Amino acid sequence: MRGDRAVYPVRMTTPVVHLARPHRPVLVAGTLSELAGPVHGPVELPLRLWWNPNRVFDLDQHDSLLWMYENVLREAVHADELRRYLHGPTLVRVWPELNLPRGVRNAWEARHRALRTAPHSTAPHSTAPLGMAPLGTAPLGKARLRTSPPA
């Protein structure tokens, strides 16, 4: 009590902001159905999303598809980028295999129940830092830095 008034702690609810990386909030699509990107063939990401001379990803190659999705989810700052390059059903299918920063994964799973309940893959997940991704030839428990999209 303070004087003749009771003082109660104030509960303030503030929205949780998930970060893709320091100072970069995660952009999450409102619905998975609005993600109408391609599902097959080559896709060239703009320089803003992938700053590498070779920006073409072959979605018919599983590793290339995963890598493109990881980059778009991590780097997108406009909803149109998500809609243009991601496909909702494909995202749900590959979600457990994606190597994403914790903030990106948490933000998307908080918004989309289908991602939280996606069956977990039996493939090992990398604990490598951002920018590292598992390659089939890397020793168990290690990952090699990718400098260009998988061939």
C-alpha atoms as a PDB file:
ATOM      1  CA  MET A   1       0.000   0.000   0.000  1.00  0.00           C
ATOM      2  CA  ARG A   2       1.162   3.459  -0.765  1.00  0.00           C
ATOM      3  CA  GLY A   3      -0.523   5.943   1.517  1.00  0.00           C
ATOM      4  CA  ASP A   4      -4.143   4.887   1.510  1.00  0.00           C
ATOM      5  CA  ARG A   5      -4.064   3.275  -1.975  1.00  0.00           C
ATOM      6  CA  ALA A   6      -3.074  -0.244  -2.901  1.00  0.00           C
ATOM      7  CA  VAL A   7      -0.411  -0.493  -5.591  1.00  0.00           C
ATOM      8  CA  TYR A   8      -0.671  -3.401  -7.968  1.00  0.00           C
ATOM      9  CA  PRO A   9       1.866  -4.342 -10.594  1.00  0.00           C
ATOM     10  CA  VAL A  10       0.718  -3.274 -14.013  1.00  0.00           C
ATOM     11  CA  ARG A  11       0.588  -6.040 -16.591  1.00  0.00           C
ATOM     12  CA  MET A  12       1.397  -4.677 -19.952  1.00  0.00           C
ATOM     13  CA  THR A  13       1.077  -6.882 -22.950  1.00  0.00           C
ATOM     14  CA  THR A  14       3.392  -5.965 -25.749  1.00  0.00           C
ATOM     15  CA  PRO A  15       3.574  -7.870 -28.993  1.00  0.00           C
ATOM     16  CA  VAL A  16       6.531 -10.159 -29.385  1.00  0.00           C
ATOM     17  CA  VAL A  17       8.828  -9.071 -32.176  1.00  0.00           C
ATOM     18  CA  HIS A  18      10.817 -11.904 -33.711  1.00  0.00           C
ATOM     19  CA  LEU A  19      14.025 -10.965 -35.489  1.00  0.00           C
ATOM     20  CA  ALA A  20      15.480 -12.595 -38.590  1.00  0.00           C
ATOM     21  CA  ARG A  21      18.795 -11.051 -37.540  1.00  0.00           C
ATOM     22  CA  PRO A  22      19.709  -8.016 -35.419  1.00  0.00           C
ATOM     23  CA  HIS A  23      17.460  -5.040 -36.227  1.00  0.00           C
ATOM     24  CA  ARG A  24      15.507  -6.992 -38.889  1.00  0.00           C
ATOM     25  CA  PRO A  25      11.984  -8.017 -37.883  1.00  0.00           C
ATOM     26  CA  VAL A  26      10.659 -11.178 -39.472  1.00  0.00           C
ATOM     27  CA  LEU A  27       8.027 -10.707 -42.156  1.00  0.00           C
ATOM     28  CA  VAL A  28       5.279 -13.335 -41.944  1.00  0.00           C
ATOM     29  CA  ALA A  29       2.536 -13.921 -44.507  1.00  0.00           C
ATOM     30  CA  GLY A  30      -1.006 -13.451 -43.259  1.00  0.00           C
ATOM     31  CA  THR A  31      -2.083 -16.789 -44.729  1.00  0.00           C
ATOM     32  CA  LEU A  32      -0.250 -19.698 -46.292  1.00  0.00           C
ATOM     33  CA  SER A  33      -2.756 -19.740 -49.157  1.00  0.00           C
ATOM     34  CA  GLU A  34      -1.533 -16.346 -50.394  1.00  0.00           C
ATOM     35  CA  LEU A  35       1.919 -17.837 -51.040  1.00  0.00           C
ATOM     36  CA  ALA A  36       1.548 -18.688 -54.718  1.00  0.00           C
ATOM     37  CA  GLY A  37       5.160 -18.900 -55.854  1.00  0.00           C
ATOM     38  CA  PRO A  38       6.583 -21.401 -58.322  1.00  0.00           C
ATOM     39  CA  VAL A  39       6.980 -25.094 -57.506  1.00  0.00           C
ATOM     40  CA  HIS A  40       9.225 -26.282 -60.380  1.00  0.00           C
ATOM     41  CA  GLY A  41      12.039 -25.077 -62.548  1.00  0.00           C
ATOM     42  CA  PRO A  42      14.613 -22.326 -62.241  1.00  0.00           C
ATOM     43  CA  VAL A  43      13.867 -19.209 -60.190  1.00  0.00           C
ATOM     44  CA  GLU A  44      16.106 -16.163 -60.114  1.00  0.00           C
ATOM     45  CA  LEU A  45      16.010 -14.185 -56.886  1.00  0.00           C
ATOM     46  CA  PRO A  46      16.601 -10.444 -57.062  1.00  0.00           C
ATOM     47  CA  LEU A  47      19.913  -9.140 -55.822  1.00  0.00           C
ATOM     48  CA  ARG A  48      18.153  -7.704 -52.758  1.00  0.00           C
ATOM     49  CA  LEU A  49      17.227 -11.205 -51.584  1.00  0.00           C
ATOM     50  CA  TRP A  50      20.378 -13.047 -52.630  1.00  0.00           C
ATOM     51  CA  TRP A  51      23.526 -10.983 -53.149  1.00  0.00           C
ATOM     52  CA  ASN A  52      25.479 -13.561 -55.112  1.00  0.00           C
ATOM     53  CA  PRO A  53      26.324 -13.457 -58.824  1.00  0.00           C
ATOM     54  CA  ASN A  54      24.561 -16.828 -59.285  1.00  0.00           C
ATOM     55  CA  ARG A  55      21.019 -16.095 -58.100  1.00  0.00           C
ATOM     56  CA  VAL A  56      19.231 -18.906 -59.942  1.00  0.00           C
ATOM     57  CA  PHE A  57      17.771 -21.743 -57.871  1.00  0.00           C
ATOM     58  CA  ASP A  58      16.464 -24.946 -59.467  1.00  0.00           C
ATOM     59  CA  LEU A  59      13.325 -25.874 -57.534  1.00  0.00           C
ATOM     60  CA  ASP A  60      13.422 -29.380 -59.000  1.00  0.00           C
ATOM     61  CA  GLN A  61      16.562 -29.991 -56.925  1.00  0.00           C
ATOM     62  CA  HIS A  62      15.532 -30.429 -53.308  1.00  0.00           C
ATOM     63  CA  ASP A  63      18.619 -28.800 -51.750  1.00  0.00           C
ATOM     64  CA  SER A  64      18.297 -25.807 -54.056  1.00  0.00           C
ATOM     65  CA  LEU A  65      14.610 -25.399 -53.145  1.00  0.00           C
ATOM     66  CA  LEU A  66      15.425 -25.540 -49.410  1.00  0.00           C
ATOM     67  CA  TRP A  67      18.185 -23.014 -49.799  1.00  0.00           C
ATOM     68  CA  MET A  68      16.013 -20.569 -51.739  1.00  0.00           C
ATOM     69  CA  TYR A  69      13.211 -20.847 -49.153  1.00  0.00           C
ATOM     70  CA  GLU A  70      15.673 -20.247 -46.296  1.00  0.00           C
ATOM     71  CA  ASN A  71      16.955 -17.091 -47.981  1.00  0.00           C
ATOM     72  CA  VAL A  72      13.539 -15.698 -48.852  1.00  0.00           C
ATOM     73  CA  LEU A  73      12.189 -16.357 -45.336  1.00  0.00           C
ATOM     74  CA  ARG A  74      15.227 -14.701 -43.787  1.00  0.00           C
ATOM     75  CA  GLU A  75      15.617 -11.714 -46.133  1.00  0.00           C
ATOM     76  CA  ALA A  76      12.113 -10.716 -47.309  1.00  0.00           C
ATOM     77  CA  VAL A  77      10.939  -7.264 -46.234  1.00  0.00           C
ATOM     78  CA  HIS A  78       7.929  -6.953 -48.573  1.00  0.00           C
ATOM     79  CA  ALA A  79       4.889  -9.239 -48.547  1.00  0.00           C
ATOM     80  CA  ASP A  80       5.074  -9.428 -52.349  1.00  0.00           C
ATOM     81  CA  GLU A  81       8.475 -11.123 -52.061  1.00  0.00           C
ATOM     82  CA  LEU A  82       6.935 -13.864 -49.940  1.00  0.00           C
ATOM     83  CA  ARG A  83       3.994 -14.265 -52.333  1.00  0.00           C
ATOM     84  CA  ARG A  84       6.188 -14.296 -55.435  1.00  0.00           C
ATOM     85  CA  TYR A  85       8.830 -16.809 -54.303  1.00  0.00           C
ATOM     86  CA  LEU A  86       7.169 -19.113 -51.742  1.00  0.00           C
ATOM     87  CA  HIS A  87       4.414 -21.680 -52.293  1.00  0.00           C
ATOM     88  CA  GLY A  88       2.222 -22.423 -49.240  1.00  0.00           C
ATOM     89  CA  PRO A  89       1.839 -26.227 -49.574  1.00  0.00           C
ATOM     90  CA  THR A  90       5.521 -26.586 -50.459  1.00  0.00           C
ATOM     91  CA  LEU A  91       6.502 -24.494 -47.439  1.00  0.00           C
ATOM     92  CA  VAL A  92       4.482 -26.775 -45.137  1.00  0.00           C
ATOM     93  CA  ARG A  93       6.050 -29.873 -46.723  1.00  0.00           C
ATOM     94  CA  VAL A  94       9.677 -28.701 -46.375  1.00  0.00           C
ATOM     95  CA  TRP A  95       9.291 -26.684 -43.142  1.00  0.00           C
ATOM     96  CA  PRO A  96      10.934 -29.258 -40.830  1.00  0.00           C
ATOM     97  CA  GLU A  97      13.985 -29.413 -43.112  1.00  0.00           C
ATOM     98  CA  LEU A  98      14.647 -25.675 -43.311  1.00  0.00           C
ATOM     99  CA  ASN A  99      17.694 -24.302 -41.515  1.00  0.00           C
ATOM    100  CA  LEU A 100      16.272 -21.045 -40.156  1.00  0.00           C
ATOM    101  CA  PRO A 101      17.210 -18.585 -37.430  1.00  0.00           C
ATOM    102  CA  ARG A 102      15.168 -19.226 -34.288  1.00  0.00           C
ATOM    103  CA  GLY A 103      13.350 -15.894 -34.642  1.00  0.00           C
ATOM    104  CA  VAL A 104      12.162 -16.718 -38.169  1.00  0.00           C
ATOM    105  CA  ARG A 105      10.964 -20.190 -37.177  1.00  0.00           C
ATOM    106  CA  ASN A 106       9.200 -18.905 -34.045  1.00  0.00           C
ATOM    107  CA  ALA A 107       7.453 -16.052 -35.876  1.00  0.00           C
ATOM    108  CA  TRP A 108       6.115 -18.258 -38.669  1.00  0.00           C
ATOM    109  CA  GLU A 109       5.043 -21.036 -36.300  1.00  0.00           C
ATOM    110  CA  ALA A 110       3.295 -18.518 -34.026  1.00  0.00           C
ATOM    111  CA  ARG A 111       1.192 -17.325 -36.980  1.00  0.00           C
ATOM    112  CA  HIS A 112       0.632 -20.617 -38.830  1.00  0.00           C
ATOM    113  CA  ARG A 113      -0.514 -23.709 -36.940  1.00  0.00           C
ATOM    114  CA  ALA A 114       0.156 -25.913 -39.991  1.00  0.00           C
ATOM    115  CA  LEU A 115       3.884 -25.225 -39.593  1.00  0.00           C
ATOM    116  CA  ARG A 116       3.857 -26.074 -35.878  1.00  0.00           C
ATOM    117  CA  THR A 117       2.185 -29.392 -36.596  1.00  0.00           C
ATOM    118  CA  ALA A 118       4.181 -30.260 -39.732  1.00  0.00           C
ATOM    119  CA  PRO A 119       5.576 -33.793 -39.418  1.00  0.00           C
ATOM    120  CA  HIS A 120       9.190 -33.649 -38.388  1.00  0.00           C
ATOM    121  CA  SER A 121      11.727 -34.861 -40.860  1.00  0.00           C
ATOM    122  CA  THR A 122      14.091 -37.682 -40.008  1.00  0.00           C
ATOM    123  CA  ALA A 123      16.901 -35.731 -41.636  1.00  0.00           C
ATOM    124  CA  PRO A 124      19.414 -34.264 -39.195  1.00  0.00           C
ATOM    125  CA  HIS A 125      19.066 -30.534 -38.594  1.00  0.00           C
ATOM    126  CA  SER A 126      22.099 -28.341 -38.572  1.00  0.00           C
ATOM    127  CA  THR A 127      22.966 -26.301 -35.537  1.00  0.00           C
ATOM    128  CA  ALA A 128      25.310 -24.264 -37.708  1.00  0.00           C
ATOM    129  CA  PRO A 129      25.206 -20.466 -37.474  1.00  0.00           C
ATOM    130  CA  LEU A 130      23.455 -18.280 -40.035  1.00  0.00           C
ATOM    131  CA  GLY A 131      25.026 -18.655 -43.450  1.00  0.00           C
ATOM    132  CA  MET A 132      26.010 -22.262 -42.878  1.00  0.00           C
ATOM    133  CA  ALA A 133      24.031 -25.187 -44.178  1.00  0.00           C
ATOM    134  CA  PRO A 134      24.484 -28.924 -44.052  1.00  0.00           C
ATOM    135  CA  LEU A 135      25.830 -30.605 -47.132  1.00  0.00           C
ATOM    136  CA  GLY A 136      25.652 -34.335 -47.731  1.00  0.00           C
ATOM    137  CA  THR A 137      29.439 -34.639 -47.795  1.00  0.00           C
ATOM    138  CA  ALA A 138      30.101 -32.813 -44.514  1.00  0.00           C
ATOM    139  CA  PRO A 139      31.197 -34.962 -41.563  1.00  0.00           C
ATOM    140  CA  LEU A 140      28.435 -35.719 -39.091  1.00  0.00           C
ATOM    141  CA  GLY A 141      27.803 -32.786 -36.775  1.00  0.00           C
ATOM    142  CA  LYS A 142      29.631 -30.310 -39.020  1.00  0.00           C
ATOM    143  CA  ALA A 143      28.494 -28.065 -41.815  1.00  0.00           C
ATOM    144  CA  ARG A 144      30.336 -26.317 -44.596  1.00  0.00           C
ATOM    145  CA  LEU A 145      29.776 -22.741 -45.670  1.00  0.00           C
ATOM    146  CA  ARG A 146      27.837 -22.479 -48.916  1.00  0.00           C
ATOM    147  CA  THR A 147      29.058 -19.743 -51.201  1.00  0.00           C
ATOM    148  CA  SER A 148      26.814 -20.534 -54.158  1.00  0.00           C
ATOM    149  CA  PRO A 149      23.564 -22.394 -54.702  1.00  0.00           C
ATOM    150  CA  PRO A 150      23.810 -26.185 -54.871  1.00  0.00           C
ATOM    151  CA  ALA A 151      24.349 -27.477 -58.393  1.00  0.00           C
END
